Amino acid sequence: MLPSESRLRRREDFATAVRRGRRAGRPLLVVHLRSGNTDPHTPGGIAPPVRAGFVVSKAVGGAVVRNRVKRRLRHLMRDRLDVLPAGSLVVVRALPGAGEADHEQVARDLDTALQRLLGGAPRSNPPGGDPRSPGHPGGSAQ
């Protein structure tokens, strides 16, 4: 379960993350990330926690399916809170395919989206590198 202090509850927080944050889409979900301000001079000197919220519409399925998807997402985010910058707001929106997907598929999509948002994964480079580069077997050696 996601700790109480790590949950998004206010409509304004959801809106801030979605409207002002960065977005990464995957086949099963869309992740919105608004990086927090980590100003060390804020009163109290304690960094605010990462907070996450979830949007699972009726397009995903009936109430039982939607609740199962939300439980999975809360469980997955709990294990990934420590990789996000302090004070960040995260909104995970489940897409219709998330209701039929298994736990590993949802976890893979969430990890990929978070890596993209945090700058850890290149966006469109093929596994063998860029074929136009001089060092690649199919590239030009000018």
Protein backbone atom coordinates (compact mmCIF):
# COMPACT_ATOMS: atom_id res chain seq x y z
CA MET A 1 0.00 0.00 0.00
CA LEU A 2 1.13 3.55 -0.71
CA PRO A 3 1.90 5.55 2.47
CA SER A 4 -0.71 8.18 3.33
CA GLU A 5 1.74 11.09 2.99
CA SER A 6 2.61 9.91 -0.54
CA ARG A 7 -0.91 10.13 -1.96
CA LEU A 8 -2.29 12.89 -4.15
CA ARG A 9 -5.73 13.90 -2.93
CA ARG A 10 -6.43 17.47 -4.02
CA ARG A 11 -7.82 18.27 -7.44
CA GLU A 12 -5.32 21.14 -7.77
CA ASP A 13 -2.39 18.75 -7.31
CA PHE A 14 -3.69 16.44 -10.03
CA ALA A 15 -4.20 19.43 -12.33
CA THR A 16 -0.68 20.75 -11.63
CA ALA A 17 0.93 17.41 -12.44
CA VAL A 18 -1.07 16.94 -15.64
CA ARG A 19 -0.92 20.51 -16.98
CA ARG A 20 2.56 21.58 -15.92
CA GLY A 21 4.41 18.28 -15.77
CA ARG A 22 6.06 16.14 -18.40
CA ARG A 23 4.20 13.20 -19.92
CA ALA A 24 5.26 9.75 -21.09
CA GLY A 25 2.74 7.48 -22.79
CA ARG A 26 2.89 3.70 -23.00
CA PRO A 27 0.36 1.18 -24.36
CA LEU A 28 -1.18 0.52 -20.93
CA LEU A 29 -0.76 3.85 -19.12
CA VAL A 30 0.26 7.48 -19.27
CA VAL A 31 2.49 8.95 -16.57
CA HIS A 32 2.58 12.67 -15.78
CA LEU A 33 5.51 13.92 -13.67
CA ARG A 34 5.88 17.39 -12.19
CA SER A 35 9.32 17.53 -10.62
CA GLY A 36 9.36 19.09 -7.17
CA ASN A 37 11.24 22.10 -6.04
CA THR A 38 14.14 20.96 -3.93
CA ASP A 39 15.04 24.37 -2.55
CA PRO A 40 17.14 23.76 0.59
CA HIS A 41 16.08 27.17 1.94
CA THR A 42 12.42 26.28 2.33
CA PRO A 43 11.09 26.63 5.89
CA GLY A 44 11.72 23.54 7.97
CA GLY A 45 14.55 22.31 5.75
CA ILE A 46 12.76 19.00 5.14
CA ALA A 47 12.21 17.92 1.56
CA PRO A 48 8.53 17.28 0.78
CA PRO A 49 7.64 13.68 -0.06
CA VAL A 50 6.90 12.41 -3.54
CA ARG A 51 3.14 12.17 -3.99
CA ALA A 52 1.32 9.96 -6.49
CA GLY A 53 -2.25 9.79 -7.72
CA PHE A 54 -4.09 7.47 -10.07
CA VAL A 55 -6.80 7.93 -12.68
CA VAL A 56 -8.65 4.80 -13.77
CA SER A 57 -11.76 5.52 -15.84
CA LYS A 58 -14.71 3.29 -16.67
CA ALA A 59 -13.10 2.61 -20.04
CA VAL A 60 -10.69 0.29 -18.20
CA GLY A 61 -13.51 -1.94 -16.99
CA GLY A 62 -16.09 -2.43 -14.28
CA ALA A 63 -15.61 -1.50 -10.63
CA VAL A 64 -13.80 -4.74 -9.75
CA VAL A 65 -11.34 -4.35 -12.63
CA ARG A 66 -10.75 -0.65 -11.91
CA ASN A 67 -10.05 -1.32 -8.25
CA ARG A 68 -7.63 -4.14 -9.13
CA VAL A 69 -5.77 -1.82 -11.51
CA LYS A 70 -5.56 0.90 -8.83
CA ARG A 71 -4.23 -1.58 -6.26
CA ARG A 72 -1.57 -2.76 -8.71
CA LEU A 73 -0.53 0.78 -9.54
CA ARG A 74 -0.32 1.79 -5.86
CA HIS A 75 1.80 -1.26 -5.12
CA LEU A 76 4.12 -0.59 -8.07
CA MET A 77 4.53 3.12 -7.25
CA ARG A 78 5.34 2.37 -3.60
CA ASP A 79 8.49 0.55 -4.73
CA ARG A 80 9.48 3.36 -7.10
CA LEU A 81 9.01 6.47 -4.95
CA ASP A 82 12.68 6.61 -3.97
CA VAL A 83 13.88 7.09 -7.58
CA LEU A 84 11.82 10.28 -8.04
CA PRO A 85 13.00 13.76 -7.00
CA ALA A 86 11.71 14.97 -3.62
CA GLY A 87 8.49 16.95 -3.85
CA SER A 88 7.46 15.50 -7.20
CA LEU A 89 3.85 15.00 -8.19
CA VAL A 90 3.07 11.88 -10.24
CA VAL A 91 -0.24 11.06 -11.90
CA VAL A 92 -0.63 7.63 -13.50
CA ARG A 93 -3.57 7.33 -15.88
CA ALA A 94 -4.53 3.77 -16.80
CA LEU A 95 -5.58 3.14 -20.38
CA PRO A 96 -8.26 0.60 -21.41
CA GLY A 97 -5.75 -2.24 -21.96
CA ALA A 98 -4.56 -2.08 -18.34
CA GLY A 99 -7.58 -4.06 -17.15
CA GLU A 100 -6.59 -7.19 -19.09
CA ALA A 101 -2.83 -6.83 -18.67
CA ASP A 102 -0.89 -8.86 -16.13
CA HIS A 103 1.22 -7.39 -13.32
CA GLU A 104 4.52 -7.69 -15.21
CA GLN A 105 3.22 -5.83 -18.27
CA VAL A 106 1.95 -2.94 -16.15
CA ALA A 107 5.23 -2.84 -14.20
CA ARG A 108 7.25 -2.79 -17.43
CA ASP A 109 5.20 0.08 -18.87
CA LEU A 110 5.47 2.05 -15.62
CA ASP A 111 9.25 1.55 -15.43
CA THR A 112 9.72 2.57 -19.06
CA ALA A 113 7.61 5.70 -18.64
CA LEU A 114 9.44 6.74 -15.47
CA GLN A 115 12.84 6.16 -17.08
CA ARG A 116 11.83 8.32 -20.01
CA LEU A 117 10.59 11.10 -17.73
CA LEU A 118 13.72 11.01 -15.60
CA GLY A 119 15.98 11.06 -18.65
CA GLY A 120 17.35 7.56 -18.14
CA ALA A 121 16.28 5.98 -21.42
CA PRO A 122 16.89 7.21 -24.95
CA ARG A 123 13.69 7.82 -26.82
CA SER A 124 14.03 6.30 -30.26
CA ASN A 125 17.52 4.85 -30.71
CA PRO A 126 17.44 1.30 -32.04
CA PRO A 127 19.24 -1.38 -29.95
CA GLY A 128 22.20 -1.51 -32.35
CA GLY A 129 22.79 2.23 -32.26
CA ASP A 130 22.12 4.82 -34.92
CA PRO A 131 22.53 3.24 -38.39
CA ARG A 132 23.62 6.61 -39.81
CA SER A 133 26.61 6.87 -37.47
CA PRO A 134 30.07 6.28 -39.01
CA GLY A 135 30.95 3.45 -36.59
CA HIS A 136 27.82 1.44 -37.34
CA PRO A 137 28.20 -1.39 -39.92
CA GLY A 138 25.55 0.13 -42.20
CA GLY A 139 26.63 3.76 -41.74
CA SER A 140 28.78 5.95 -43.90
CA ALA A 141 32.49 6.13 -43.08
CA GLN A 142 33.27 9.61 -44.29
